[in-house]
Amino acid sequence: MENEVQYFIVSCSGASNTGKYADEVARQLSANGVAKMVCLPKIAVGDQALVQEIKTKNMNIVVLDGCPVNCAEKLLRKEGITENIIHINTTDFGIVKGKTPYSAEKAKEIIEYIKQVTSK
């Protein structure tokens, strides 16, 4: 039985290791069917069809940023998407930008945390 989409997920896909974590976690959750991954560049260029879809569906939006610059969150807010946001930063899991190599175990830790906060 396929999972039902429970929330949108918007992630950093930056050049650093922290962005890789955010992107990989978002892709895994999307592949599992529990999240609908949003294309962050489409938000950045102001794709109004996507912006309106996000605004009109009453779903949580998991925003997974790779570092404290919080690009994903800032881009959503710039388009007026401010409701139902659950903001998470990969560096909050002990991942050091430019230093911590990617590991499936650490990605799983982030995924489990997201599952917890979205099941409330």
PDB file of N, CA and C in Angstrom:
ATOM      1  N   MET A   1       0.846  -1.189   0.000  1.00  0.00           N
ATOM      2  CA  MET A   1       0.000   0.000   0.000  1.00  0.00           C
ATOM      3  C   MET A   1       0.881   1.238   0.000  1.00  0.00           C
ATOM      4  N   GLU A   2       0.584   2.160  -0.890  1.00  0.00           N
ATOM      5  CA  GLU A   2       1.356   3.374  -0.995  1.00  0.00           C
ATOM      6  C   GLU A   2       1.001   4.335   0.133  1.00  0.00           C
ATOM      7  N   ASN A   3       2.008   5.092   0.608  1.00  0.00           N
ATOM      8  CA  ASN A   3       1.766   6.092   1.643  1.00  0.00           C
ATOM      9  C   ASN A   3       1.018   7.276   1.042  1.00  0.00           C
ATOM     10  N   GLU A   4       0.278   7.960   1.877  1.00  0.00           N
ATOM     11  CA  GLU A   4      -0.429   9.159   1.457  1.00  0.00           C
ATOM     12  C   GLU A   4       0.450  10.376   1.730  1.00  0.00           C
ATOM     13  N   VAL A   5       0.492  11.311   0.784  1.00  0.00           N
ATOM     14  CA  VAL A   5       1.287  12.531   0.966  1.00  0.00           C
ATOM     15  C   VAL A   5       0.720  13.291   2.157  1.00  0.00           C
ATOM     16  N   GLN A   6       1.594  13.581   3.118  1.00  0.00           N
ATOM     17  CA  GLN A   6       1.179  14.237   4.351  1.00  0.00           C
ATOM     18  C   GLN A   6       1.614  15.696   4.428  1.00  0.00           C
ATOM     19  N   TYR A   7       2.656  16.055   3.697  1.00  0.00           N
ATOM     20  CA  TYR A   7       3.174  17.416   3.782  1.00  0.00           C
ATOM     21  C   TYR A   7       4.051  17.708   2.570  1.00  0.00           C
ATOM     22  N   PHE A   8       4.278  19.001   2.343  1.00  0.00           N
ATOM     23  CA  PHE A   8       5.260  19.432   1.356  1.00  0.00           C
ATOM     24  C   PHE A   8       6.628  19.403   2.024  1.00  0.00           C
ATOM     25  N   ILE A   9       7.674  19.181   1.236  1.00  0.00           N
ATOM     26  CA  ILE A   9       9.028  19.342   1.767  1.00  0.00           C
ATOM     27  C   ILE A   9       9.819  20.186   0.777  1.00  0.00           C
ATOM     28  N   VAL A  10      10.453  21.215   1.305  1.00  0.00           N
ATOM     29  CA  VAL A  10      11.266  22.137   0.528  1.00  0.00           C
ATOM     30  C   VAL A  10      12.658  22.065   1.124  1.00  0.00           C
ATOM     31  N   SER A  11      13.651  21.798   0.273  1.00  0.00           N
ATOM     32  CA  SER A  11      14.982  21.641   0.845  1.00  0.00           C
ATOM     33  C   SER A  11      16.031  22.453   0.116  1.00  0.00           C
ATOM     34  N   CYS A  12      17.030  22.794   0.884  1.00  0.00           N
ATOM     35  CA  CYS A  12      18.270  23.320   0.344  1.00  0.00           C
ATOM     36  C   CYS A  12      18.869  22.211  -0.518  1.00  0.00           C
ATOM     37  N   SER A  13      19.518  22.587  -1.566  1.00  0.00           N
ATOM     38  CA  SER A  13      20.288  21.623  -2.361  1.00  0.00           C
ATOM     39  C   SER A  13      21.643  22.243  -2.659  1.00  0.00           C
ATOM     40  N   GLY A  14      22.129  22.988  -1.685  1.00  0.00           N
ATOM     41  CA  GLY A  14      23.355  23.759  -1.858  1.00  0.00           C
ATOM     42  C   GLY A  14      24.588  22.913  -2.117  1.00  0.00           C
ATOM     43  N   ALA A  15      25.671  23.574  -2.375  1.00  0.00           N
ATOM     44  CA  ALA A  15      26.910  22.924  -2.767  1.00  0.00           C
ATOM     45  C   ALA A  15      27.638  22.250  -1.610  1.00  0.00           C
ATOM     46  N   SER A  16      27.285  22.572  -0.393  1.00  0.00           N
ATOM     47  CA  SER A  16      28.011  22.026   0.752  1.00  0.00           C
ATOM     48  C   SER A  16      27.461  20.665   1.174  1.00  0.00           C
ATOM     49  N   ASN A  17      28.158  20.045   2.082  1.00  0.00           N
ATOM     50  CA  ASN A  17      27.712  18.769   2.656  1.00  0.00           C
ATOM     51  C   ASN A  17      26.374  18.928   3.375  1.00  0.00           C
ATOM     52  N   THR A  18      26.145  20.062   3.982  1.00  0.00           N
ATOM     53  CA  THR A  18      24.886  20.280   4.695  1.00  0.00           C
ATOM     54  C   THR A  18      23.711  20.349   3.720  1.00  0.00           C
ATOM     55  N   GLY A  19      23.939  20.930   2.556  1.00  0.00           N
ATOM     56  CA  GLY A  19      22.925  20.959   1.512  1.00  0.00           C
ATOM     57  C   GLY A  19      22.655  19.579   0.950  1.00  0.00           C
ATOM     58  N   LYS A  20      23.699  18.771   0.852  1.00  0.00           N
ATOM     59  CA  LYS A  20      23.524  17.393   0.387  1.00  0.00           C
ATOM     60  C   LYS A  20      22.623  16.632   1.351  1.00  0.00           C
ATOM     61  N   TYR A  21      22.847  16.801   2.644  1.00  0.00           N
ATOM     62  CA  TYR A  21      21.976  16.146   3.631  1.00  0.00           C
ATOM     63  C   TYR A  21      20.520  16.567   3.424  1.00  0.00           C
ATOM     64  N   ALA A  22      20.288  17.863   3.314  1.00  0.00           N
ATOM     65  CA  ALA A  22      18.918  18.364   3.159  1.00  0.00           C
ATOM     66  C   ALA A  22      18.276  17.780   1.899  1.00  0.00           C
ATOM     67  N   ASP A  23      18.997  17.815   0.811  1.00  0.00           N
ATOM     68  CA  ASP A  23      18.469  17.314  -0.456  1.00  0.00           C
ATOM     69  C   ASP A  23      18.192  15.814  -0.397  1.00  0.00           C
ATOM     70  N   GLU A  24      19.127  15.036   0.114  1.00  0.00           N
ATOM     71  CA  GLU A  24      18.956  13.579   0.192  1.00  0.00           C
ATOM     72  C   GLU A  24      17.786  13.195   1.090  1.00  0.00           C
ATOM     73  N   VAL A  25      17.658  13.856   2.219  1.00  0.00           N
ATOM     74  CA  VAL A  25      16.549  13.574   3.142  1.00  0.00           C
ATOM     75  C   VAL A  25      15.219  13.880   2.457  1.00  0.00           C
ATOM     76  N   ALA A  26      15.133  15.027   1.797  1.00  0.00           N
ATOM     77  CA  ALA A  26      13.897  15.398   1.107  1.00  0.00           C
ATOM     78  C   ALA A  26      13.558  14.383   0.019  1.00  0.00           C
ATOM     79  N   ARG A  27      14.548  13.963  -0.731  1.00  0.00           N
ATOM     80  CA  ARG A  27      14.314  12.986  -1.806  1.00  0.00           C
ATOM     81  C   ARG A  27      13.846  11.648  -1.254  1.00  0.00           C
ATOM     82  N   GLN A  28      14.426  11.225  -0.143  1.00  0.00           N
ATOM     83  CA  GLN A  28      14.013   9.954   0.453  1.00  0.00           C
ATOM     84  C   GLN A  28      12.574  10.023   0.947  1.00  0.00           C
ATOM     85  N   LEU A  29      12.218  11.108   1.614  1.00  0.00           N
ATOM     86  CA  LEU A  29      10.844  11.250   2.101  1.00  0.00           C
ATOM     87  C   LEU A  29       9.857  11.348   0.941  1.00  0.00           C
ATOM     88  N   SER A  30      10.247  12.022  -0.122  1.00  0.00           N
ATOM     89  CA  SER A  30       9.401  12.117  -1.301  1.00  0.00           C
ATOM     90  C   SER A  30       9.243  10.747  -1.968  1.00  0.00           C
ATOM     91  N   ALA A  31      10.333  10.008  -2.068  1.00  0.00           N
ATOM     92  CA  ALA A  31      10.293   8.676  -2.679  1.00  0.00           C
ATOM     93  C   ALA A  31       9.419   7.715  -1.875  1.00  0.00           C
ATOM     94  N   ASN A  32       9.370   7.911  -0.567  1.00  0.00           N
ATOM     95  CA  ASN A  32       8.532   7.071   0.293  1.00  0.00           C
ATOM     96  C   ASN A  32       7.062   7.426   0.194  1.00  0.00           C
ATOM     97  N   GLY A  33       6.757   8.537  -0.465  1.00  0.00           N
ATOM     98  CA  GLY A  33       5.368   8.923  -0.676  1.00  0.00           C
ATOM     99  C   GLY A  33       4.723   9.716   0.436  1.00  0.00           C
ATOM    100  N   VAL A  34       5.466  10.025   1.504  1.00  0.00           N
ATOM    101  CA  VAL A  34       4.861  10.769   2.611  1.00  0.00           C
ATOM    102  C   VAL A  34       4.962  12.282   2.409  1.00  0.00           C
ATOM    103  N   ALA A  35       5.866  12.707   1.533  1.00  0.00           N
ATOM    104  CA  ALA A  35       6.067  14.134   1.299  1.00  0.00           C
ATOM    105  C   ALA A  35       6.039  14.421  -0.198  1.00  0.00           C
ATOM    106  N   LYS A  36       5.576  15.619  -0.529  1.00  0.00           N
ATOM    107  CA  LYS A  36       5.659  16.086  -1.909  1.00  0.00           C
ATOM    108  C   LYS A  36       6.790  17.098  -1.957  1.00  0.00           C
ATOM    109  N   MET A  37       7.862  16.732  -2.651  1.00  0.00           N
ATOM    110  CA  MET A  37       9.017  17.620  -2.733  1.00  0.00           C
ATOM    111  C   MET A  37       8.712  18.792  -3.658  1.00  0.00           C
ATOM    112  N   VAL A  38       9.035  19.977  -3.190  1.00  0.00           N
ATOM    113  CA  VAL A  38       8.808  21.214  -3.929  1.00  0.00           C
ATOM    114  C   VAL A  38      10.125  21.651  -4.557  1.00  0.00           C
ATOM    115  N   CYS A  39      10.064  22.102  -5.783  1.00  0.00           N
ATOM    116  CA  CYS A  39      11.251  22.594  -6.487  1.00  0.00           C
ATOM    117  C   CYS A  39      11.570  24.011  -5.997  1.00  0.00           C
ATOM    118  N   LEU A  40      12.613  24.137  -5.203  1.00  0.00           N
ATOM    119  CA  LEU A  40      12.975  25.437  -4.638  1.00  0.00           C
ATOM    120  C   LEU A  40      13.311  26.485  -5.705  1.00  0.00           C
ATOM    121  N   PRO A  41      14.008  26.141  -6.801  1.00  0.00           N
ATOM    122  CA  PRO A  41      14.244  27.154  -7.831  1.00  0.00           C
ATOM    123  C   PRO A  41      12.953  27.723  -8.434  1.00  0.00           C
ATOM    124  N   LYS A  42      11.903  26.894  -8.530  1.00  0.00           N
ATOM    125  CA  LYS A  42      10.628  27.418  -9.040  1.00  0.00           C
ATOM    126  C   LYS A  42      10.050  28.456  -8.086  1.00  0.00           C
ATOM    127  N   ILE A  43      10.267  28.267  -6.789  1.00  0.00           N
ATOM    128  CA  ILE A  43       9.847  29.273  -5.812  1.00  0.00           C
ATOM    129  C   ILE A  43      10.688  30.530  -6.006  1.00  0.00           C
ATOM    130  N   ALA A  44      11.990  30.342  -6.193  1.00  0.00           N
ATOM    131  CA  ALA A  44      12.912  31.476  -6.322  1.00  0.00           C
ATOM    132  C   ALA A  44      12.587  32.349  -7.523  1.00  0.00           C
ATOM    133  N   VAL A  45      12.089  31.744  -8.612  1.00  0.00           N
ATOM    134  CA  VAL A  45      11.750  32.541  -9.798  1.00  0.00           C
ATOM    135  C   VAL A  45      10.302  33.002  -9.791  1.00  0.00           C
ATOM    136  N   GLY A  46       9.593  32.725  -8.706  1.00  0.00           N
ATOM    137  CA  GLY A  46       8.236  33.233  -8.550  1.00  0.00           C
ATOM    138  C   GLY A  46       7.180  32.481  -9.335  1.00  0.00           C
ATOM    139  N   ASP A  47       7.330  31.183  -9.511  1.00  0.00           N
ATOM    140  CA  ASP A  47       6.327  30.371 -10.213  1.00  0.00           C
ATOM    141  C   ASP A  47       5.011  30.428  -9.425  1.00  0.00           C
ATOM    142  N   GLN A  48       4.085  31.253  -9.901  1.00  0.00           N
ATOM    143  CA  GLN A  48       2.862  31.516  -9.139  1.00  0.00           C
ATOM    144  C   GLN A  48       1.922  30.320  -9.060  1.00  0.00           C
ATOM    145  N   ALA A  49       1.951  29.444 -10.038  1.00  0.00           N
ATOM    146  CA  ALA A  49       1.111  28.243  -9.957  1.00  0.00           C
ATOM    147  C   ALA A  49       1.553  27.380  -8.776  1.00  0.00           C
ATOM    148  N   LEU A  50       2.854  27.212  -8.608  1.00  0.00           N
ATOM    149  CA  LEU A  50       3.376  26.432  -7.488  1.00  0.00           C
ATOM    150  C   LEU A  50       3.142  27.151  -6.164  1.00  0.00           C
ATOM    151  N   VAL A  51       3.395  28.449  -6.136  1.00  0.00           N
ATOM    152  CA  VAL A  51       3.177  29.230  -4.918  1.00  0.00           C
ATOM    153  C   VAL A  51       1.717  29.110  -4.472  1.00  0.00           C
ATOM    154  N   GLN A  52       0.791  29.235  -5.402  1.00  0.00           N
ATOM    155  CA  GLN A  52      -0.627  29.141  -5.061  1.00  0.00           C
ATOM    156  C   GLN A  52      -1.016  27.741  -4.610  1.00  0.00           C
ATOM    157  N   GLU A  53      -0.426  26.720  -5.236  1.00  0.00           N
ATOM    158  CA  GLU A  53      -0.706  25.347  -4.804  1.00  0.00           C
ATOM    159  C   GLU A  53      -0.312  25.161  -3.339  1.00  0.00           C
ATOM    160  N   ILE A  54       0.862  25.659  -2.986  1.00  0.00           N
ATOM    161  CA  ILE A  54       1.345  25.524  -1.613  1.00  0.00           C
ATOM    162  C   ILE A  54       0.459  26.312  -0.652  1.00  0.00           C
ATOM    163  N   LYS A  55       0.095  27.527  -1.047  1.00  0.00           N
ATOM    164  CA  LYS A  55      -0.711  28.379  -0.172  1.00  0.00           C
ATOM    165  C   LYS A  55      -2.129  27.846   0.028  1.00  0.00           C
ATOM    166  N   THR A  56      -2.704  27.229  -0.996  1.00  0.00           N
ATOM    167  CA  THR A  56      -4.111  26.835  -0.904  1.00  0.00           C
ATOM    168  C   THR A  56      -4.325  25.459  -0.290  1.00  0.00           C
ATOM    169  N   LYS A  57      -3.327  24.608  -0.330  1.00  0.00           N
ATOM    170  CA  LYS A  57      -3.486  23.295   0.306  1.00  0.00           C
ATOM    171  C   LYS A  57      -3.189  23.459   1.789  1.00  0.00           C
ATOM    172  N   ASN A  58      -4.023  22.900   2.599  1.00  0.00           N
ATOM    173  CA  ASN A  58      -3.848  23.036   4.040  1.00  0.00           C
ATOM    174  C   ASN A  58      -2.937  21.919   4.550  1.00  0.00           C
ATOM    175  N   MET A  59      -1.664  21.988   4.128  1.00  0.00           N
ATOM    176  CA  MET A  59      -0.691  20.971   4.542  1.00  0.00           C
ATOM    177  C   MET A  59       0.507  21.657   5.182  1.00  0.00           C
ATOM    178  N   ASN A  60       1.135  20.948   6.099  1.00  0.00           N
ATOM    179  CA  ASN A  60       2.385  21.449   6.658  1.00  0.00           C
ATOM    180  C   ASN A  60       3.441  21.515   5.571  1.00  0.00           C
ATOM    181  N   ILE A  61       4.392  22.401   5.769  1.00  0.00           N
ATOM    182  CA  ILE A  61       5.515  22.550   4.851  1.00  0.00           C
ATOM    183  C   ILE A  61       6.780  22.363   5.663  1.00  0.00           C
ATOM    184  N   VAL A  62       7.468  21.264   5.451  1.00  0.00           N
ATOM    185  CA  VAL A  62       8.750  21.043   6.104  1.00  0.00           C
ATOM    186  C   VAL A  62       9.797  21.766   5.273  1.00  0.00           C
ATOM    187  N   VAL A  63      10.460  22.710   5.890  1.00  0.00           N
ATOM    188  CA  VAL A  63      11.516  23.467   5.227  1.00  0.00           C
ATOM    189  C   VAL A  63      12.823  23.001   5.826  1.00  0.00           C
ATOM    190  N   LEU A  64      13.619  22.356   5.007  1.00  0.00           N
ATOM    191  CA  LEU A  64      14.870  21.762   5.460  1.00  0.00           C
ATOM    192  C   LEU A  64      16.037  22.542   4.874  1.00  0.00           C
ATOM    193  N   ASP A  65      16.624  23.386   5.714  1.00  0.00           N
ATOM    194  CA  ASP A  65      17.768  24.188   5.295  1.00  0.00           C
ATOM    195  C   ASP A  65      19.064  23.495   5.679  1.00  0.00           C
ATOM    196  N   GLY A  66      20.109  23.761   4.904  1.00  0.00           N
ATOM    197  CA  GLY A  66      21.396  23.138   5.142  1.00  0.00           C
ATOM    198  C   GLY A  66      22.293  23.902   6.092  1.00  0.00           C
ATOM    199  N   CYS A  67      22.050  25.176   6.279  1.00  0.00           N
ATOM    200  CA  CYS A  67      22.891  25.962   7.179  1.00  0.00           C
ATOM    201  C   CYS A  67      22.095  27.151   7.707  1.00  0.00           C
ATOM    202  N   PRO A  68      22.643  27.875   8.659  1.00  0.00           N
ATOM    203  CA  PRO A  68      21.914  28.995   9.268  1.00  0.00           C
ATOM    204  C   PRO A  68      21.603  30.172   8.343  1.00  0.00           C
ATOM    205  N   VAL A  69      22.082  30.167   7.111  1.00  0.00           N
ATOM    206  CA  VAL A  69      21.687  31.217   6.170  1.00  0.00           C
ATOM    207  C   VAL A  69      20.195  31.088   5.855  1.00  0.00           C
ATOM    208  N   ASN A  70      19.668  29.859   5.918  1.00  0.00           N
ATOM    209  CA  ASN A  70      18.234  29.578   5.769  1.00  0.00           C
ATOM    210  C   ASN A  70      17.638  30.051   4.449  1.00  0.00           C
ATOM    211  N   CYS A  71      18.314  29.737   3.352  1.00  0.00           N
ATOM    212  CA  CYS A  71      17.857  30.167   2.023  1.00  0.00           C
ATOM    213  C   CYS A  71      16.460  29.663   1.687  1.00  0.00           C
ATOM    214  N   ALA A  72      16.185  28.397   1.950  1.00  0.00           N
ATOM    215  CA  ALA A  72      14.873  27.832   1.596  1.00  0.00           C
ATOM    216  C   ALA A  72      13.754  28.579   2.324  1.00  0.00           C
ATOM    217  N   GLU A  73      13.934  28.778   3.607  1.00  0.00           N
ATOM    218  CA  GLU A  73      12.909  29.486   4.381  1.00  0.00           C
ATOM    219  C   GLU A  73      12.731  30.919   3.874  1.00  0.00           C
ATOM    220  N   LYS A  74      13.832  31.590   3.590  1.00  0.00           N
ATOM    221  CA  LYS A  74      13.764  32.977   3.118  1.00  0.00           C
ATOM    222  C   LYS A  74      13.054  33.078   1.771  1.00  0.00           C
ATOM    223  N   LEU A  75      13.310  32.121   0.881  1.00  0.00           N
ATOM    224  CA  LEU A  75      12.660  32.151  -0.430  1.00  0.00           C
ATOM    225  C   LEU A  75      11.151  31.930  -0.306  1.00  0.00           C
ATOM    226  N   LEU A  76      10.733  31.043   0.578  1.00  0.00           N
ATOM    227  CA  LEU A  76       9.299  30.846   0.799  1.00  0.00           C
ATOM    228  C   LEU A  76       8.661  32.116   1.348  1.00  0.00           C
ATOM    229  N   ARG A  77       9.293  32.692   2.350  1.00  0.00           N
ATOM    230  CA  ARG A  77       8.741  33.910   2.963  1.00  0.00           C
ATOM    231  C   ARG A  77       8.664  35.059   1.951  1.00  0.00           C
ATOM    232  N   LYS A  78       9.645  35.129   1.069  1.00  0.00           N
ATOM    233  CA  LYS A  78       9.648  36.176   0.030  1.00  0.00           C
ATOM    234  C   LYS A  78       8.406  36.069  -0.857  1.00  0.00           C
ATOM    235  N   GLU A  79       7.894  34.853  -1.034  1.00  0.00           N
ATOM    236  CA  GLU A  79       6.679  34.632  -1.824  1.00  0.00           C
ATOM    237  C   GLU A  79       5.418  34.631  -0.961  1.00  0.00           C
ATOM    238  N   GLY A  80       5.560  35.007   0.310  1.00  0.00           N
ATOM    239  CA  GLY A  80       4.403  35.101   1.186  1.00  0.00           C
ATOM    240  C   GLY A  80       3.934  33.773   1.753  1.00  0.00           C
ATOM    241  N   ILE A  81       4.773  32.762   1.663  1.00  0.00           N
ATOM    242  CA  ILE A  81       4.428  31.455   2.230  1.00  0.00           C
ATOM    243  C   ILE A  81       4.979  31.434   3.656  1.00  0.00           C
ATOM    244  N   THR A  82       4.072  31.637   4.609  1.00  0.00           N
ATOM    245  CA  THR A  82       4.494  31.760   6.010  1.00  0.00           C
ATOM    246  C   THR A  82       3.701  30.867   6.952  1.00  0.00           C
ATOM    247  N   GLU A  83       2.643  30.246   6.455  1.00  0.00           N
ATOM    248  CA  GLU A  83       1.775  29.424   7.303  1.00  0.00           C
ATOM    249  C   GLU A  83       2.222  27.959   7.272  1.00  0.00           C
ATOM    250  N   ASN A  84       1.986  27.258   8.360  1.00  0.00           N
ATOM    251  CA  ASN A  84       2.195  25.806   8.467  1.00  0.00           C
ATOM    252  C   ASN A  84       3.640  25.370   8.231  1.00  0.00           C
ATOM    253  N   ILE A  85       4.595  26.236   8.519  1.00  0.00           N
ATOM    254  CA  ILE A  85       6.003  25.910   8.276  1.00  0.00           C
ATOM    255  C   ILE A  85       6.614  25.220   9.493  1.00  0.00           C
ATOM    256  N   ILE A  86       7.291  24.120   9.210  1.00  0.00           N
ATOM    257  CA  ILE A  86       8.125  23.439  10.205  1.00  0.00           C
ATOM    258  C   ILE A  86       9.554  23.584   9.694  1.00  0.00           C
ATOM    259  N   HIS A  87      10.322  24.458  10.320  1.00  0.00           N
ATOM    260  CA  HIS A  87      11.674  24.747   9.841  1.00  0.00           C
ATOM    261  C   HIS A  87      12.702  23.889  10.565  1.00  0.00           C
ATOM    262  N   ILE A  88      13.545  23.243   9.795  1.00  0.00           N
ATOM    263  CA  ILE A  88      14.590  22.362  10.336  1.00  0.00           C
ATOM    264  C   ILE A  88      15.896  22.716   9.635  1.00  0.00           C
ATOM    265  N   ASN A  89      16.980  22.666  10.394  1.00  0.00           N
ATOM    266  CA  ASN A  89      18.297  22.943   9.832  1.00  0.00           C
ATOM    267  C   ASN A  89      19.197  21.735  10.058  1.00  0.00           C
ATOM    268  N   THR A  90      19.869  21.278   9.014  1.00  0.00           N
ATOM    269  CA  THR A  90      20.709  20.082   9.156  1.00  0.00           C
ATOM    270  C   THR A  90      21.848  20.286  10.160  1.00  0.00           C
ATOM    271  N   THR A  91      22.283  21.510  10.337  1.00  0.00           N
ATOM    272  CA  THR A  91      23.361  21.755  11.293  1.00  0.00           C
ATOM    273  C   THR A  91      22.915  21.560  12.737  1.00  0.00           C
ATOM    274  N   ASP A  92      21.602  21.499  12.964  1.00  0.00           N
ATOM    275  CA  ASP A  92      21.082  21.223  14.308  1.00  0.00           C
ATOM    276  C   ASP A  92      21.284  19.758  14.718  1.00  0.00           C
ATOM    277  N   PHE A  93      21.765  18.946  13.795  1.00  0.00           N
ATOM    278  CA  PHE A  93      21.986  17.524  14.060  1.00  0.00           C
ATOM    279  C   PHE A  93      23.470  17.195  14.185  1.00  0.00           C
ATOM    280  N   GLY A  94      24.266  18.212  14.492  1.00  0.00           N
ATOM    281  CA  GLY A  94      25.703  17.996  14.693  1.00  0.00           C
ATOM    282  C   GLY A  94      26.499  17.913  13.408  1.00  0.00           C
ATOM    283  N   ILE A  95      25.891  18.276  12.314  1.00  0.00           N
ATOM    284  CA  ILE A  95      26.584  18.266  11.020  1.00  0.00           C
ATOM    285  C   ILE A  95      27.308  19.599  10.880  1.00  0.00           C
ATOM    286  N   VAL A  96      28.591  19.536  10.642  1.00  0.00           N
ATOM    287  CA  VAL A  96      29.402  20.746  10.523  1.00  0.00           C
ATOM    288  C   VAL A  96      29.615  21.041   9.040  1.00  0.00           C
ATOM    289  N   LYS A  97      29.222  22.243   8.647  1.00  0.00           N
ATOM    290  CA  LYS A  97      29.340  22.640   7.245  1.00  0.00           C
ATOM    291  C   LYS A  97      30.794  22.545   6.789  1.00  0.00           C
ATOM    292  N   GLY A  98      30.980  21.838   5.678  1.00  0.00           N
ATOM    293  CA  GLY A  98      32.311  21.690   5.110  1.00  0.00           C
ATOM    294  C   GLY A  98      33.168  20.619   5.760  1.00  0.00           C
ATOM    295  N   LYS A  99      32.634  19.946   6.778  1.00  0.00           N
ATOM    296  CA  LYS A  99      33.463  18.969   7.497  1.00  0.00           C
ATOM    297  C   LYS A  99      32.827  17.592   7.648  1.00  0.00           C
ATOM    298  N   THR A 100      31.573  17.529   8.031  1.00  0.00           N
ATOM    299  CA  THR A 100      30.949  16.236   8.322  1.00  0.00           C
ATOM    300  C   THR A 100      30.607  15.518   7.019  1.00  0.00           C
ATOM    301  N   PRO A 101      31.241  14.372   6.768  1.00  0.00           N
ATOM    302  CA  PRO A 101      30.912  13.640   5.540  1.00  0.00           C
ATOM    303  C   PRO A 101      29.496  13.078   5.600  1.00  0.00           C
ATOM    304  N   TYR A 102      28.899  12.925   4.432  1.00  0.00           N
ATOM    305  CA  TYR A 102      27.540  12.385   4.353  1.00  0.00           C
ATOM    306  C   TYR A 102      27.530  10.940   4.848  1.00  0.00           C
ATOM    307  N   SER A 103      26.519  10.626   5.645  1.00  0.00           N
ATOM    308  CA  SER A 103      26.322   9.231   6.056  1.00  0.00           C
ATOM    309  C   SER A 103      24.833   8.927   6.059  1.00  0.00           C
ATOM    310  N   ALA A 104      24.499   7.731   5.642  1.00  0.00           N
ATOM    311  CA  ALA A 104      23.099   7.298   5.616  1.00  0.00           C
ATOM    312  C   ALA A 104      22.518   7.275   7.025  1.00  0.00           C
ATOM    313  N   GLU A 105      23.338   6.957   8.010  1.00  0.00           N
ATOM    314  CA  GLU A 105      22.857   6.902   9.397  1.00  0.00           C
ATOM    315  C   GLU A 105      22.414   8.277   9.883  1.00  0.00           C
ATOM    316  N   LYS A 106      23.195   9.295   9.587  1.00  0.00           N
ATOM    317  CA  LYS A 106      22.838  10.657  10.003  1.00  0.00           C
ATOM    318  C   LYS A 106      21.598  11.141   9.243  1.00  0.00           C
ATOM    319  N   ALA A 107      21.502  10.794   7.967  1.00  0.00           N
ATOM    320  CA  ALA A 107      20.311  11.154   7.195  1.00  0.00           C
ATOM    321  C   ALA A 107      19.080  10.489   7.803  1.00  0.00           C
ATOM    322  N   LYS A 108      19.205   9.241   8.219  1.00  0.00           N
ATOM    323  CA  LYS A 108      18.087   8.521   8.836  1.00  0.00           C
ATOM    324  C   LYS A 108      17.661   9.213  10.135  1.00  0.00           C
ATOM    325  N   GLU A 109      18.630   9.731  10.887  1.00  0.00           N
ATOM    326  CA  GLU A 109      18.308  10.463  12.120  1.00  0.00           C
ATOM    327  C   GLU A 109      17.433  11.682  11.811  1.00  0.00           C
ATOM    328  N   ILE A 110      17.777  12.401  10.756  1.00  0.00           N
ATOM    329  CA  ILE A 110      16.991  13.577  10.364  1.00  0.00           C
ATOM    330  C   ILE A 110      15.600  13.147   9.895  1.00  0.00           C
ATOM    331  N   ILE A 111      15.541  12.078   9.124  1.00  0.00           N
ATOM    332  CA  ILE A 111      14.254  11.564   8.638  1.00  0.00           C
ATOM    333  C   ILE A 111      13.363  11.171   9.812  1.00  0.00           C
ATOM    334  N   GLU A 112      13.918  10.489  10.786  1.00  0.00           N
ATOM    335  CA  GLU A 112      13.127  10.075  11.953  1.00  0.00           C
ATOM    336  C   GLU A 112      12.619  11.284  12.719  1.00  0.00           C
ATOM    337  N   TYR A 113      13.448  12.325  12.837  1.00  0.00           N
ATOM    338  CA  TYR A 113      13.015  13.550  13.505  1.00  0.00           C
ATOM    339  C   TYR A 113      11.839  14.183  12.746  1.00  0.00           C
ATOM    340  N   ILE A 114      11.956  14.255  11.426  1.00  0.00           N
ATOM    341  CA  ILE A 114      10.881  14.835  10.615  1.00  0.00           C
ATOM    342  C   ILE A 114       9.603  14.021  10.780  1.00  0.00           C
ATOM    343  N   LYS A 115       9.715  12.713  10.804  1.00  0.00           N
ATOM    344  CA  LYS A 115       8.531  11.868  11.008  1.00  0.00           C
ATOM    345  C   LYS A 115       7.873  12.183  12.351  1.00  0.00           C
ATOM    346  N   GLN A 116       8.683  12.420  13.385  1.00  0.00           N
ATOM    347  CA  GLN A 116       8.143  12.756  14.694  1.00  0.00           C
ATOM    348  C   GLN A 116       7.390  14.086  14.688  1.00  0.00           C
ATOM    349  N   VAL A 117       8.016  15.119  14.135  1.00  0.00           N
ATOM    350  CA  VAL A 117       7.409  16.448  14.190  1.00  0.00           C
ATOM    351  C   VAL A 117       6.213  16.600  13.254  1.00  0.00           C
ATOM    352  N   THR A 118       6.131  15.757  12.240  1.00  0.00           N
ATOM    353  CA  THR A 118       4.997  15.851  11.321  1.00  0.00           C
ATOM    354  C   THR A 118       3.836  14.956  11.720  1.00  0.00           C
ATOM    355  N   SER A 119       4.053  14.090  12.713  1.00  0.00           N
ATOM    356  CA  SER A 119       2.972  13.202  13.142  1.00  0.00           C
ATOM    357  C   SER A 119       2.154  13.785  14.282  1.00  0.00           C
ATOM    358  N   LYS A 120       2.533  14.970  14.744  1.00  0.00           N
ATOM    359  CA  LYS A 120       1.833  15.614  15.863  1.00  0.00           C
ATOM    360  C   LYS A 120       0.530  16.240  15.430  1.00  0.00           C
TER     361      LYS A 120
END
